[in-house]
């Protein structure tokens, strides 16, 4: 799989769940990943989709699945998403007492391993774990609900992570999730993010594929200075 320098990952949390397969196909030729938010009404106070939906959608699209587990006990559930064909499975640092062990399990199951850091969690304690991961997802809102306002101060975590990645010559995606739209993606890209989750900005648009292309253009402009 050829991986582009910047990743745009529409979040189906903002899609029309009655037309989910159609909504996925609407971005298939514009997006890089499909972001799937799994919430359990325990780790976060919301309930969304789970493994059966992921298994069903896997047959409906060729897009790589970027599964974001906002759940308790990810050690129990995460490998199942890898087995279902997820490209990247991200779980929260706050929900796991041995993130490195779970990352190894996910990689053994054939998926990339991602570590998520919520709004109120300092990033510094986790920087030394990053060689065990393929993706670091930094929340730019409080995890649990779509449609929240982007918090620019949280980009300090992105900058810290980017410095750490550069100093250690790590191969790691730095992903941002929360309030990413046309008026915020350039800030996130300039801070060092290279993967961007966008829900309402994509699925709230008249043309979701065009919205993805516009977001990509803005992120590229911020990283190249064009």
N, C-alpha and C. Protein backbone atom coordinates (compact mmCIF):
# COMPACT_ATOMS: atom_id res chain seq x y z
N UNK A 1 0.85 -1.19 0.00
CA UNK A 1 0.00 0.00 0.00
C UNK A 1 0.89 1.24 0.00
N UNK A 2 0.67 2.13 -0.96
CA UNK A 2 1.39 3.39 -1.01
C UNK A 2 0.71 4.40 -0.09
N UNK A 3 1.46 4.93 0.85
CA UNK A 3 0.89 5.84 1.84
C UNK A 3 1.24 7.27 1.48
N UNK A 4 0.26 8.14 1.29
CA UNK A 4 0.54 9.54 0.92
C UNK A 4 1.15 10.30 2.07
N UNK A 5 1.80 11.44 1.78
CA UNK A 5 2.45 12.21 2.84
C UNK A 5 1.47 12.80 3.84
N UNK A 6 0.27 13.13 3.41
CA UNK A 6 -0.77 13.62 4.30
C UNK A 6 -1.99 12.72 4.19
N UNK A 7 -2.63 12.49 5.32
CA UNK A 7 -3.80 11.61 5.38
C UNK A 7 -5.03 12.43 5.76
N UNK A 8 -6.09 12.30 4.96
CA UNK A 8 -7.39 12.86 5.33
C UNK A 8 -8.31 11.68 5.61
N UNK A 9 -8.87 11.68 6.82
CA UNK A 9 -9.68 10.54 7.27
C UNK A 9 -11.07 11.03 7.69
N UNK A 10 -12.04 11.00 6.78
CA UNK A 10 -13.41 11.38 7.15
C UNK A 10 -13.95 10.47 8.25
N UNK A 11 -14.63 11.09 9.22
CA UNK A 11 -15.20 10.32 10.32
C UNK A 11 -16.66 10.02 10.03
N UNK A 12 -16.99 8.74 10.02
CA UNK A 12 -18.38 8.38 9.75
C UNK A 12 -19.30 8.67 10.93
N UNK A 13 -18.74 9.15 12.04
CA UNK A 13 -19.59 9.59 13.14
C UNK A 13 -20.54 10.70 12.69
N UNK A 14 -20.10 11.48 11.70
CA UNK A 14 -20.91 12.59 11.19
C UNK A 14 -21.74 12.20 9.97
N UNK A 15 -21.65 10.95 9.55
CA UNK A 15 -22.39 10.51 8.37
C UNK A 15 -23.83 10.17 8.72
N UNK A 16 -24.63 9.96 7.69
CA UNK A 16 -26.02 9.52 7.85
C UNK A 16 -26.00 8.00 8.06
N UNK A 17 -26.28 7.56 9.27
CA UNK A 17 -26.17 6.14 9.59
C UNK A 17 -27.20 5.30 8.84
N UNK A 18 -28.27 5.91 8.36
CA UNK A 18 -29.25 5.16 7.58
C UNK A 18 -28.74 4.86 6.17
N UNK A 19 -27.66 5.54 5.77
CA UNK A 19 -27.10 5.38 4.43
C UNK A 19 -25.59 5.17 4.53
N UNK A 20 -25.16 4.40 5.48
CA UNK A 20 -23.75 4.37 5.83
C UNK A 20 -22.87 3.90 4.67
N UNK A 21 -23.25 2.85 3.99
CA UNK A 21 -22.43 2.36 2.88
C UNK A 21 -22.33 3.41 1.78
N UNK A 22 -23.43 4.09 1.48
CA UNK A 22 -23.41 5.15 0.47
C UNK A 22 -22.53 6.32 0.91
N UNK A 23 -22.60 6.65 2.18
CA UNK A 23 -21.79 7.75 2.71
C UNK A 23 -20.29 7.42 2.62
N UNK A 24 -19.96 6.17 2.85
CA UNK A 24 -18.57 5.75 2.72
C UNK A 24 -18.12 5.85 1.27
N UNK A 25 -18.94 5.38 0.36
CA UNK A 25 -18.58 5.42 -1.06
C UNK A 25 -18.46 6.85 -1.58
N UNK A 26 -19.15 7.79 -0.93
CA UNK A 26 -19.11 9.18 -1.37
C UNK A 26 -17.72 9.79 -1.24
N UNK A 27 -16.89 9.24 -0.35
CA UNK A 27 -15.54 9.79 -0.16
C UNK A 27 -14.45 8.81 -0.61
N UNK A 28 -14.86 7.70 -1.19
CA UNK A 28 -13.91 6.61 -1.44
C UNK A 28 -12.74 7.01 -2.31
N UNK A 29 -12.97 7.86 -3.30
CA UNK A 29 -11.89 8.20 -4.23
C UNK A 29 -11.20 9.51 -3.88
N UNK A 30 -11.56 10.08 -2.73
CA UNK A 30 -10.93 11.33 -2.29
C UNK A 30 -10.17 11.15 -0.99
N UNK A 31 -10.69 10.33 -0.10
CA UNK A 31 -10.09 10.15 1.23
C UNK A 31 -8.97 9.12 1.20
N UNK A 32 -8.15 9.14 2.26
CA UNK A 32 -7.07 8.16 2.41
C UNK A 32 -7.45 7.05 3.36
N UNK A 33 -8.06 7.41 4.48
CA UNK A 33 -8.56 6.46 5.46
C UNK A 33 -10.02 6.77 5.75
N UNK A 34 -10.72 5.83 6.32
CA UNK A 34 -12.05 6.06 6.85
C UNK A 34 -11.97 5.93 8.36
N UNK A 35 -12.31 7.00 9.07
CA UNK A 35 -12.19 7.02 10.53
C UNK A 35 -13.48 6.48 11.15
N UNK A 36 -13.32 5.49 12.01
CA UNK A 36 -14.46 4.82 12.63
C UNK A 36 -14.37 4.99 14.13
N UNK A 37 -15.28 5.79 14.69
CA UNK A 37 -15.28 6.05 16.12
C UNK A 37 -16.14 5.02 16.85
N UNK A 38 -15.52 4.28 17.73
CA UNK A 38 -16.20 3.26 18.52
C UNK A 38 -16.26 3.74 19.96
N UNK A 39 -17.47 4.00 20.46
CA UNK A 39 -17.67 4.49 21.82
C UNK A 39 -18.60 3.54 22.57
N UNK A 40 -18.32 3.35 23.86
CA UNK A 40 -19.00 2.28 24.60
C UNK A 40 -19.94 2.75 25.72
N UNK A 41 -20.12 4.09 25.86
CA UNK A 41 -20.96 4.63 26.92
C UNK A 41 -20.39 4.33 28.31
N UNK A 42 -19.11 4.03 28.38
CA UNK A 42 -18.42 3.84 29.65
C UNK A 42 -17.17 4.72 29.71
N UNK A 43 -16.26 4.48 28.79
CA UNK A 43 -15.06 5.32 28.74
C UNK A 43 -15.43 6.75 28.36
N UNK A 44 -16.38 6.89 27.47
CA UNK A 44 -16.96 8.19 27.11
C UNK A 44 -18.48 8.08 27.23
N UNK A 45 -19.17 9.19 27.46
CA UNK A 45 -20.62 9.13 27.69
C UNK A 45 -21.43 9.14 26.41
N UNK A 46 -21.06 8.30 25.48
CA UNK A 46 -21.80 8.20 24.23
C UNK A 46 -21.67 6.76 23.74
N UNK A 47 -22.59 6.35 22.91
CA UNK A 47 -22.61 4.99 22.38
C UNK A 47 -22.73 5.07 20.86
N UNK A 48 -21.81 4.43 20.16
CA UNK A 48 -21.87 4.49 18.70
C UNK A 48 -21.90 3.08 18.13
N UNK A 49 -21.04 2.81 17.17
CA UNK A 49 -21.06 1.53 16.48
C UNK A 49 -19.99 0.60 17.05
N UNK A 50 -20.07 -0.67 16.66
CA UNK A 50 -19.12 -1.65 17.16
C UNK A 50 -18.65 -2.57 16.06
N UNK A 51 -18.13 -3.70 16.48
CA UNK A 51 -17.48 -4.63 15.57
C UNK A 51 -18.38 -5.12 14.43
N UNK A 52 -19.65 -5.45 14.66
CA UNK A 52 -20.48 -5.94 13.55
C UNK A 52 -20.61 -4.93 12.40
N UNK A 53 -20.70 -3.64 12.74
CA UNK A 53 -20.80 -2.63 11.69
C UNK A 53 -19.49 -2.54 10.92
N UNK A 54 -18.38 -2.61 11.61
CA UNK A 54 -17.08 -2.58 10.95
C UNK A 54 -16.93 -3.78 10.01
N UNK A 55 -17.33 -4.93 10.48
CA UNK A 55 -17.26 -6.13 9.64
C UNK A 55 -18.12 -5.98 8.39
N UNK A 56 -19.31 -5.41 8.54
CA UNK A 56 -20.21 -5.24 7.40
C UNK A 56 -19.66 -4.20 6.42
N UNK A 57 -19.15 -3.09 6.95
CA UNK A 57 -18.62 -2.05 6.08
C UNK A 57 -17.36 -2.47 5.34
N UNK A 58 -16.62 -3.40 5.92
CA UNK A 58 -15.37 -3.82 5.30
C UNK A 58 -15.62 -4.36 3.88
N UNK A 59 -16.79 -4.95 3.67
CA UNK A 59 -17.13 -5.49 2.35
C UNK A 59 -17.64 -4.42 1.39
N UNK A 60 -17.86 -3.19 1.90
CA UNK A 60 -18.49 -2.16 1.09
C UNK A 60 -17.50 -1.15 0.51
N UNK A 61 -16.24 -1.20 0.94
CA UNK A 61 -15.28 -0.20 0.48
C UNK A 61 -13.86 -0.74 0.52
N UNK A 62 -13.01 -0.12 -0.29
CA UNK A 62 -11.60 -0.46 -0.27
C UNK A 62 -10.79 0.47 0.62
N UNK A 63 -11.43 1.49 1.19
CA UNK A 63 -10.69 2.43 2.03
C UNK A 63 -10.13 1.74 3.27
N UNK A 64 -8.90 2.06 3.66
CA UNK A 64 -8.37 1.54 4.92
C UNK A 64 -9.16 2.10 6.10
N UNK A 65 -9.46 1.25 7.06
CA UNK A 65 -10.22 1.66 8.23
C UNK A 65 -9.27 2.11 9.34
N UNK A 66 -9.53 3.31 9.82
CA UNK A 66 -8.79 3.91 10.93
C UNK A 66 -9.73 3.87 12.13
N UNK A 67 -9.63 2.81 12.92
CA UNK A 67 -10.59 2.58 14.01
C UNK A 67 -10.08 3.24 15.29
N UNK A 68 -10.92 4.07 15.88
CA UNK A 68 -10.58 4.81 17.09
C UNK A 68 -11.44 4.28 18.23
N UNK A 69 -10.83 3.53 19.12
CA UNK A 69 -11.56 2.91 20.21
C UNK A 69 -11.60 3.82 21.43
N UNK A 70 -12.76 4.38 21.70
CA UNK A 70 -12.98 5.16 22.92
C UNK A 70 -13.77 4.26 23.86
N UNK A 71 -13.08 3.24 24.38
CA UNK A 71 -13.74 2.19 25.14
C UNK A 71 -12.89 1.79 26.34
N UNK A 72 -13.56 1.24 27.34
CA UNK A 72 -12.86 0.59 28.44
C UNK A 72 -12.35 -0.78 27.97
N UNK A 73 -11.32 -1.24 28.60
CA UNK A 73 -10.76 -2.57 28.36
C UNK A 73 -10.43 -2.82 26.89
N UNK A 74 -9.64 -1.95 26.26
CA UNK A 74 -9.29 -2.17 24.85
C UNK A 74 -8.49 -3.45 24.63
N UNK A 75 -7.81 -3.92 25.67
CA UNK A 75 -7.04 -5.16 25.50
C UNK A 75 -7.96 -6.32 25.10
N UNK A 76 -9.20 -6.28 25.59
CA UNK A 76 -10.16 -7.34 25.27
C UNK A 76 -10.69 -7.22 23.84
N UNK A 77 -10.96 -6.00 23.40
CA UNK A 77 -11.71 -5.80 22.16
C UNK A 77 -10.87 -5.42 20.95
N UNK A 78 -9.76 -4.75 21.16
CA UNK A 78 -9.00 -4.19 20.03
C UNK A 78 -8.56 -5.23 19.00
N UNK A 79 -8.02 -6.39 19.41
CA UNK A 79 -7.58 -7.35 18.39
C UNK A 79 -8.69 -7.79 17.44
N UNK A 80 -9.94 -7.78 17.91
CA UNK A 80 -11.05 -8.17 17.04
C UNK A 80 -11.20 -7.24 15.85
N UNK A 81 -10.91 -5.96 16.05
CA UNK A 81 -10.99 -5.00 14.95
C UNK A 81 -9.85 -5.23 13.96
N UNK A 82 -8.70 -5.60 14.46
CA UNK A 82 -7.61 -5.97 13.56
C UNK A 82 -7.99 -7.20 12.75
N UNK A 83 -8.57 -8.19 13.41
CA UNK A 83 -9.00 -9.41 12.71
C UNK A 83 -10.07 -9.11 11.67
N UNK A 84 -10.87 -8.05 11.91
CA UNK A 84 -11.94 -7.69 10.97
C UNK A 84 -11.42 -6.93 9.76
N UNK A 85 -10.14 -6.63 9.74
CA UNK A 85 -9.55 -5.98 8.58
C UNK A 85 -9.23 -4.51 8.75
N UNK A 86 -9.27 -3.99 9.97
CA UNK A 86 -8.90 -2.59 10.18
C UNK A 86 -7.42 -2.39 9.84
N UNK A 87 -7.14 -1.30 9.18
CA UNK A 87 -5.75 -0.97 8.84
C UNK A 87 -5.00 -0.46 10.06
N UNK A 88 -5.67 0.41 10.82
CA UNK A 88 -5.07 1.03 11.99
C UNK A 88 -6.07 0.95 13.14
N UNK A 89 -5.62 0.49 14.29
CA UNK A 89 -6.50 0.41 15.47
C UNK A 89 -5.85 1.25 16.57
N UNK A 90 -6.57 2.28 16.99
CA UNK A 90 -6.07 3.21 18.00
C UNK A 90 -6.89 3.07 19.27
N UNK A 91 -6.20 2.98 20.39
CA UNK A 91 -6.87 2.90 21.69
C UNK A 91 -6.32 4.01 22.59
N UNK A 92 -7.05 4.30 23.66
CA UNK A 92 -6.67 5.41 24.53
C UNK A 92 -5.68 5.00 25.60
N UNK A 93 -4.67 5.84 25.77
CA UNK A 93 -3.68 5.62 26.83
C UNK A 93 -4.36 5.55 28.19
N UNK A 94 -5.41 6.35 28.38
CA UNK A 94 -6.07 6.44 29.67
C UNK A 94 -6.84 5.16 30.03
N UNK A 95 -7.08 4.30 29.03
CA UNK A 95 -7.89 3.10 29.25
C UNK A 95 -7.07 1.82 29.31
N UNK A 96 -5.74 1.95 29.23
CA UNK A 96 -4.91 0.74 29.10
C UNK A 96 -3.71 0.84 30.03
N UNK A 97 -3.49 -0.20 30.82
CA UNK A 97 -2.38 -0.17 31.77
C UNK A 97 -1.07 -0.68 31.17
N UNK A 98 -1.12 -1.27 29.97
CA UNK A 98 0.10 -1.73 29.31
C UNK A 98 -0.03 -1.47 27.81
N UNK A 99 0.09 -0.21 27.39
CA UNK A 99 -0.10 0.12 25.98
C UNK A 99 0.85 -0.60 25.03
N UNK A 100 2.07 -0.80 25.46
CA UNK A 100 3.05 -1.44 24.56
C UNK A 100 2.65 -2.89 24.28
N UNK A 101 2.17 -3.61 25.29
CA UNK A 101 1.74 -5.00 25.08
C UNK A 101 0.58 -5.06 24.09
N UNK A 102 -0.38 -4.15 24.22
CA UNK A 102 -1.51 -4.16 23.29
C UNK A 102 -1.06 -3.78 21.89
N UNK A 103 -0.13 -2.86 21.78
CA UNK A 103 0.41 -2.51 20.46
C UNK A 103 1.03 -3.74 19.79
N UNK A 104 1.75 -4.53 20.55
CA UNK A 104 2.34 -5.76 19.99
C UNK A 104 1.26 -6.72 19.52
N UNK A 105 0.18 -6.84 20.30
CA UNK A 105 -0.93 -7.72 19.92
C UNK A 105 -1.56 -7.26 18.61
N UNK A 106 -1.75 -5.96 18.48
CA UNK A 106 -2.37 -5.43 17.27
C UNK A 106 -1.49 -5.66 16.05
N UNK A 107 -0.21 -5.42 16.20
CA UNK A 107 0.70 -5.65 15.08
C UNK A 107 0.75 -7.14 14.73
N UNK A 108 0.71 -7.99 15.72
CA UNK A 108 0.70 -9.43 15.45
C UNK A 108 -0.56 -9.86 14.70
N UNK A 109 -1.66 -9.12 14.96
CA UNK A 109 -2.93 -9.42 14.29
C UNK A 109 -3.01 -8.79 12.91
N UNK A 110 -1.99 -8.05 12.51
CA UNK A 110 -1.93 -7.53 11.15
C UNK A 110 -2.34 -6.08 10.99
N UNK A 111 -2.55 -5.37 12.08
CA UNK A 111 -2.94 -3.96 12.01
C UNK A 111 -1.82 -3.06 12.47
N UNK A 112 -1.91 -1.80 12.08
CA UNK A 112 -1.07 -0.77 12.67
C UNK A 112 -1.61 -0.48 14.07
N UNK A 113 -0.73 -0.03 14.95
CA UNK A 113 -1.13 0.25 16.33
C UNK A 113 -1.09 1.75 16.58
N UNK A 114 -2.18 2.26 17.15
CA UNK A 114 -2.26 3.68 17.45
C UNK A 114 -2.52 3.94 18.91
N UNK A 115 -1.92 5.02 19.43
CA UNK A 115 -2.13 5.43 20.82
C UNK A 115 -2.81 6.79 20.80
N UNK A 116 -3.93 6.91 21.51
CA UNK A 116 -4.68 8.17 21.58
C UNK A 116 -4.47 8.85 22.93
N UNK A 117 -4.37 10.17 22.88
CA UNK A 117 -4.18 10.99 24.07
C UNK A 117 -5.35 11.97 24.15
N UNK A 118 -6.12 11.91 25.22
CA UNK A 118 -7.30 12.77 25.34
C UNK A 118 -6.91 14.19 25.76
N UNK A 119 -7.90 15.06 25.74
CA UNK A 119 -7.69 16.49 25.96
C UNK A 119 -6.91 16.81 27.23
N UNK A 120 -7.25 16.17 28.33
CA UNK A 120 -6.68 16.54 29.62
C UNK A 120 -5.47 15.70 30.03
N UNK A 121 -4.99 14.88 29.14
CA UNK A 121 -3.87 13.98 29.45
C UNK A 121 -2.56 14.57 28.96
N UNK A 122 -1.56 14.74 29.82
CA UNK A 122 -0.25 15.20 29.36
C UNK A 122 0.37 14.18 28.42
N UNK A 123 1.10 14.66 27.45
CA UNK A 123 1.70 13.76 26.47
C UNK A 123 3.06 13.24 26.92
N UNK A 124 3.73 13.99 27.77
CA UNK A 124 5.12 13.66 28.10
C UNK A 124 5.34 12.24 28.63
N UNK A 125 4.45 11.71 29.49
CA UNK A 125 4.69 10.35 29.99
C UNK A 125 4.67 9.27 28.91
N UNK A 126 4.15 9.60 27.74
CA UNK A 126 3.98 8.58 26.70
C UNK A 126 4.98 8.71 25.55
N UNK A 127 5.78 9.75 25.57
CA UNK A 127 6.69 9.97 24.44
C UNK A 127 7.67 8.81 24.25
N UNK A 128 8.15 8.24 25.35
CA UNK A 128 9.13 7.16 25.24
C UNK A 128 8.50 5.85 24.73
N UNK A 129 7.18 5.78 24.71
CA UNK A 129 6.50 4.58 24.20
C UNK A 129 6.31 4.62 22.69
N UNK A 130 6.53 5.77 22.08
CA UNK A 130 6.14 5.94 20.68
C UNK A 130 6.84 5.00 19.68
N UNK A 131 8.06 4.53 19.95
CA UNK A 131 8.64 3.57 19.00
C UNK A 131 7.81 2.29 18.84
N UNK A 132 6.92 2.01 19.79
CA UNK A 132 6.09 0.81 19.72
C UNK A 132 4.81 1.03 18.90
N UNK A 133 4.61 2.27 18.42
CA UNK A 133 3.36 2.61 17.75
C UNK A 133 3.60 3.12 16.33
N UNK A 134 2.54 3.04 15.54
CA UNK A 134 2.57 3.54 14.18
C UNK A 134 1.85 4.88 14.05
N UNK A 135 0.92 5.14 14.98
CA UNK A 135 0.12 6.36 14.96
C UNK A 135 -0.01 6.90 16.38
N UNK A 136 0.09 8.21 16.49
CA UNK A 136 -0.24 8.90 17.73
C UNK A 136 -1.40 9.82 17.42
N UNK A 137 -2.54 9.58 18.06
CA UNK A 137 -3.72 10.40 17.84
C UNK A 137 -3.87 11.36 19.02
N UNK A 138 -3.82 12.64 18.71
CA UNK A 138 -3.95 13.68 19.73
C UNK A 138 -5.32 14.33 19.58
N UNK A 139 -6.12 14.20 20.61
CA UNK A 139 -7.44 14.81 20.59
C UNK A 139 -7.31 16.33 20.69
N UNK A 140 -8.01 17.03 19.82
CA UNK A 140 -8.05 18.50 19.87
C UNK A 140 -9.41 18.97 20.37
N UNK A 141 -10.13 18.05 21.00
CA UNK A 141 -11.35 18.29 21.76
C UNK A 141 -11.35 17.28 22.91
N UNK A 142 -12.43 17.23 23.68
CA UNK A 142 -12.62 16.17 24.66
C UNK A 142 -13.25 14.98 23.94
N UNK A 143 -12.66 13.80 24.08
CA UNK A 143 -13.18 12.62 23.40
C UNK A 143 -14.62 12.33 23.82
N UNK A 144 -15.43 11.92 22.85
CA UNK A 144 -16.75 11.44 23.20
C UNK A 144 -17.90 11.95 22.37
N UNK A 145 -17.74 13.11 21.74
CA UNK A 145 -18.83 13.68 20.96
C UNK A 145 -18.27 14.37 19.73
N UNK A 146 -18.96 14.24 18.60
CA UNK A 146 -18.60 14.98 17.41
C UNK A 146 -19.14 16.40 17.48
N UNK A 147 -18.63 17.25 16.58
CA UNK A 147 -19.16 18.60 16.46
C UNK A 147 -18.66 19.60 17.47
N UNK A 148 -17.64 19.24 18.27
CA UNK A 148 -17.12 20.18 19.26
C UNK A 148 -16.17 21.19 18.62
N UNK A 149 -15.96 22.29 19.33
CA UNK A 149 -15.08 23.34 18.84
C UNK A 149 -13.61 22.97 19.08
N UNK A 150 -12.82 23.16 18.06
CA UNK A 150 -11.38 22.92 18.08
C UNK A 150 -10.70 23.75 19.18
N UNK A 151 -9.76 23.13 19.91
CA UNK A 151 -9.03 23.81 20.99
C UNK A 151 -7.57 24.00 20.53
N UNK A 152 -7.20 25.19 20.08
CA UNK A 152 -5.86 25.37 19.49
C UNK A 152 -4.72 25.13 20.47
N UNK A 153 -4.96 25.34 21.77
CA UNK A 153 -3.89 25.14 22.75
C UNK A 153 -3.39 23.70 22.77
N UNK A 154 -4.23 22.77 22.36
CA UNK A 154 -3.83 21.36 22.37
C UNK A 154 -2.81 21.04 21.28
N UNK A 155 -2.59 21.96 20.36
CA UNK A 155 -1.56 21.75 19.35
C UNK A 155 -0.16 21.78 19.95
N UNK A 156 -0.04 22.27 21.19
CA UNK A 156 1.27 22.18 21.86
C UNK A 156 1.70 20.72 22.00
N UNK A 157 0.74 19.83 22.19
CA UNK A 157 1.06 18.39 22.26
C UNK A 157 1.57 17.89 20.91
N UNK A 158 0.96 18.37 19.85
CA UNK A 158 1.40 17.99 18.50
C UNK A 158 2.84 18.45 18.28
N UNK A 159 3.12 19.67 18.67
CA UNK A 159 4.49 20.19 18.49
C UNK A 159 5.50 19.38 19.31
N UNK A 160 5.13 19.04 20.53
CA UNK A 160 6.03 18.24 21.37
C UNK A 160 6.26 16.86 20.76
N UNK A 161 5.19 16.27 20.25
CA UNK A 161 5.32 14.94 19.63
C UNK A 161 6.17 15.02 18.37
N UNK A 162 5.96 16.05 17.57
CA UNK A 162 6.75 16.18 16.32
C UNK A 162 8.22 16.36 16.63
N UNK A 163 8.54 17.14 17.66
CA UNK A 163 9.95 17.30 18.03
C UNK A 163 10.54 15.97 18.46
N UNK A 164 9.77 15.21 19.23
CA UNK A 164 10.26 13.91 19.71
C UNK A 164 10.46 12.95 18.56
N UNK A 165 9.52 12.92 17.63
CA UNK A 165 9.63 12.04 16.47
C UNK A 165 10.86 12.41 15.63
N UNK A 166 11.06 13.70 15.43
CA UNK A 166 12.19 14.15 14.62
C UNK A 166 13.51 13.82 15.30
N UNK A 167 13.59 14.01 16.61
CA UNK A 167 14.85 13.77 17.31
C UNK A 167 15.19 12.29 17.38
N UNK A 168 14.16 11.45 17.37
CA UNK A 168 14.39 10.02 17.43
C UNK A 168 14.32 9.31 16.10
N UNK A 169 14.08 10.10 15.04
CA UNK A 169 13.98 9.55 13.68
C UNK A 169 12.94 8.42 13.62
N UNK A 170 11.80 8.66 14.26
CA UNK A 170 10.75 7.65 14.31
C UNK A 170 9.86 7.72 13.08
N UNK A 171 9.33 6.58 12.70
CA UNK A 171 8.30 6.54 11.66
C UNK A 171 6.95 6.47 12.37
N UNK A 172 6.29 7.60 12.45
CA UNK A 172 5.06 7.69 13.23
C UNK A 172 4.15 8.73 12.61
N UNK A 173 2.89 8.35 12.42
CA UNK A 173 1.87 9.31 12.02
C UNK A 173 1.42 10.08 13.27
N UNK A 174 1.29 11.40 13.13
CA UNK A 174 0.71 12.21 14.19
C UNK A 174 -0.65 12.69 13.67
N UNK A 175 -1.68 12.16 14.29
CA UNK A 175 -3.05 12.39 13.83
C UNK A 175 -3.76 13.32 14.81
N UNK A 176 -4.60 14.20 14.29
CA UNK A 176 -5.41 15.08 15.13
C UNK A 176 -6.88 14.79 14.87
N UNK A 177 -7.66 14.89 15.93
CA UNK A 177 -9.07 14.53 15.86
C UNK A 177 -9.87 15.48 16.75
N UNK A 178 -10.79 16.23 16.11
CA UNK A 178 -11.66 17.11 16.87
C UNK A 178 -11.69 18.52 16.33
N UNK A 179 -12.79 18.88 15.70
CA UNK A 179 -12.93 20.24 15.20
C UNK A 179 -12.08 20.56 13.99
N UNK A 180 -11.60 19.55 13.30
CA UNK A 180 -10.77 19.80 12.12
C UNK A 180 -11.67 20.19 10.95
N UNK A 181 -11.41 21.37 10.41
CA UNK A 181 -12.23 21.92 9.33
C UNK A 181 -11.35 22.88 8.52
N UNK A 182 -11.96 23.55 7.56
CA UNK A 182 -11.20 24.44 6.68
C UNK A 182 -10.51 25.56 7.44
N UNK A 183 -11.06 25.97 8.57
CA UNK A 183 -10.47 27.08 9.32
C UNK A 183 -9.51 26.64 10.42
N UNK A 184 -9.27 25.33 10.54
CA UNK A 184 -8.37 24.85 11.60
C UNK A 184 -7.29 23.91 11.08
N UNK A 185 -7.48 23.30 9.93
CA UNK A 185 -6.55 22.25 9.49
C UNK A 185 -5.16 22.80 9.22
N UNK A 186 -5.08 24.04 8.76
CA UNK A 186 -3.76 24.60 8.49
C UNK A 186 -2.95 24.77 9.78
N UNK A 187 -3.61 25.18 10.86
CA UNK A 187 -2.93 25.30 12.15
C UNK A 187 -2.37 23.95 12.59
N UNK A 188 -3.20 22.92 12.44
CA UNK A 188 -2.78 21.59 12.87
C UNK A 188 -1.63 21.06 12.03
N UNK A 189 -1.69 21.32 10.72
CA UNK A 189 -0.61 20.87 9.84
C UNK A 189 0.68 21.61 10.14
N UNK A 190 0.58 22.91 10.37
CA UNK A 190 1.77 23.69 10.68
C UNK A 190 2.41 23.27 11.99
N UNK A 191 1.59 22.76 12.91
CA UNK A 191 2.12 22.30 14.21
C UNK A 191 2.84 20.96 14.09
N UNK A 192 2.60 20.23 13.00
CA UNK A 192 3.30 18.96 12.81
C UNK A 192 2.42 17.75 12.60
N UNK A 193 1.10 17.93 12.58
CA UNK A 193 0.22 16.80 12.29
C UNK A 193 0.32 16.43 10.82
N UNK A 194 0.17 15.13 10.53
CA UNK A 194 0.16 14.70 9.13
C UNK A 194 -1.01 13.76 8.81
N UNK A 195 -1.93 13.60 9.76
CA UNK A 195 -3.17 12.86 9.51
C UNK A 195 -4.28 13.63 10.22
N UNK A 196 -5.42 13.76 9.53
CA UNK A 196 -6.46 14.67 9.98
C UNK A 196 -7.81 13.99 9.90
N UNK A 197 -8.47 13.90 11.06
CA UNK A 197 -9.82 13.36 11.12
C UNK A 197 -10.80 14.52 10.96
N UNK A 198 -11.74 14.38 10.04
CA UNK A 198 -12.73 15.43 9.81
C UNK A 198 -14.10 14.78 9.66
N UNK A 199 -15.02 15.18 10.52
CA UNK A 199 -16.37 14.61 10.48
C UNK A 199 -17.36 15.56 9.86
N UNK A 200 -17.82 16.53 10.63
CA UNK A 200 -18.82 17.49 10.15
C UNK A 200 -18.31 18.26 8.94
N UNK A 201 -17.02 18.57 8.90
CA UNK A 201 -16.47 19.33 7.78
C UNK A 201 -16.59 18.58 6.46
N UNK A 202 -16.66 17.27 6.53
CA UNK A 202 -16.82 16.45 5.32
C UNK A 202 -18.28 16.10 5.09
N UNK A 203 -18.89 15.47 6.08
CA UNK A 203 -20.25 14.97 5.87
C UNK A 203 -21.33 16.03 6.05
N UNK A 204 -20.95 17.20 6.52
CA UNK A 204 -21.89 18.31 6.55
C UNK A 204 -21.85 19.13 5.28
N UNK A 205 -20.94 18.78 4.36
CA UNK A 205 -20.81 19.51 3.10
C UNK A 205 -21.74 18.93 2.03
N UNK A 206 -22.09 19.76 1.06
CA UNK A 206 -22.94 19.29 -0.03
C UNK A 206 -22.23 18.22 -0.86
N UNK A 207 -20.91 18.35 -0.98
CA UNK A 207 -20.11 17.40 -1.74
C UNK A 207 -18.98 16.91 -0.84
N UNK A 208 -19.17 15.78 -0.14
CA UNK A 208 -18.15 15.31 0.79
C UNK A 208 -16.79 15.08 0.15
N UNK A 209 -16.75 14.55 -1.07
CA UNK A 209 -15.46 14.30 -1.72
C UNK A 209 -14.72 15.60 -1.99
N UNK A 210 -15.44 16.61 -2.44
CA UNK A 210 -14.81 17.91 -2.68
C UNK A 210 -14.32 18.52 -1.37
N UNK A 211 -15.07 18.31 -0.28
CA UNK A 211 -14.63 18.80 1.02
C UNK A 211 -13.31 18.16 1.43
N UNK A 212 -13.17 16.86 1.18
CA UNK A 212 -11.91 16.17 1.47
C UNK A 212 -10.77 16.78 0.66
N UNK A 213 -11.01 17.00 -0.63
CA UNK A 213 -9.97 17.56 -1.48
C UNK A 213 -9.56 18.96 -1.03
N UNK A 214 -10.55 19.74 -0.59
CA UNK A 214 -10.22 21.09 -0.11
C UNK A 214 -9.39 21.03 1.16
N UNK A 215 -9.75 20.16 2.08
CA UNK A 215 -8.98 20.02 3.30
C UNK A 215 -7.55 19.59 2.99
N UNK A 216 -7.39 18.68 2.06
CA UNK A 216 -6.04 18.23 1.70
C UNK A 216 -5.21 19.39 1.14
N UNK A 217 -5.84 20.19 0.30
CA UNK A 217 -5.13 21.32 -0.27
C UNK A 217 -4.68 22.32 0.78
N UNK A 218 -5.54 22.57 1.75
CA UNK A 218 -5.18 23.51 2.82
C UNK A 218 -4.04 22.95 3.67
N UNK A 219 -4.10 21.66 4.00
CA UNK A 219 -3.03 21.06 4.79
C UNK A 219 -1.71 21.06 4.03
N UNK A 220 -1.77 20.77 2.75
CA UNK A 220 -0.55 20.78 1.95
C UNK A 220 0.05 22.18 1.87
N UNK A 221 -0.81 23.16 1.76
CA UNK A 221 -0.32 24.55 1.70
C UNK A 221 0.40 24.93 3.00
N UNK A 222 -0.13 24.46 4.11
CA UNK A 222 0.49 24.78 5.39
C UNK A 222 1.83 24.09 5.59
N UNK A 223 1.98 22.91 5.00
CA UNK A 223 3.23 22.16 5.20
C UNK A 223 4.29 22.50 4.18
N UNK A 224 3.88 22.99 3.01
CA UNK A 224 4.86 23.31 1.96
C UNK A 224 5.13 24.79 1.85
N UNK A 225 4.26 25.61 2.46
CA UNK A 225 4.41 27.05 2.36
C UNK A 225 3.98 27.61 1.03
N UNK A 226 3.29 26.77 0.23
CA UNK A 226 2.85 27.24 -1.09
C UNK A 226 1.67 28.19 -0.95
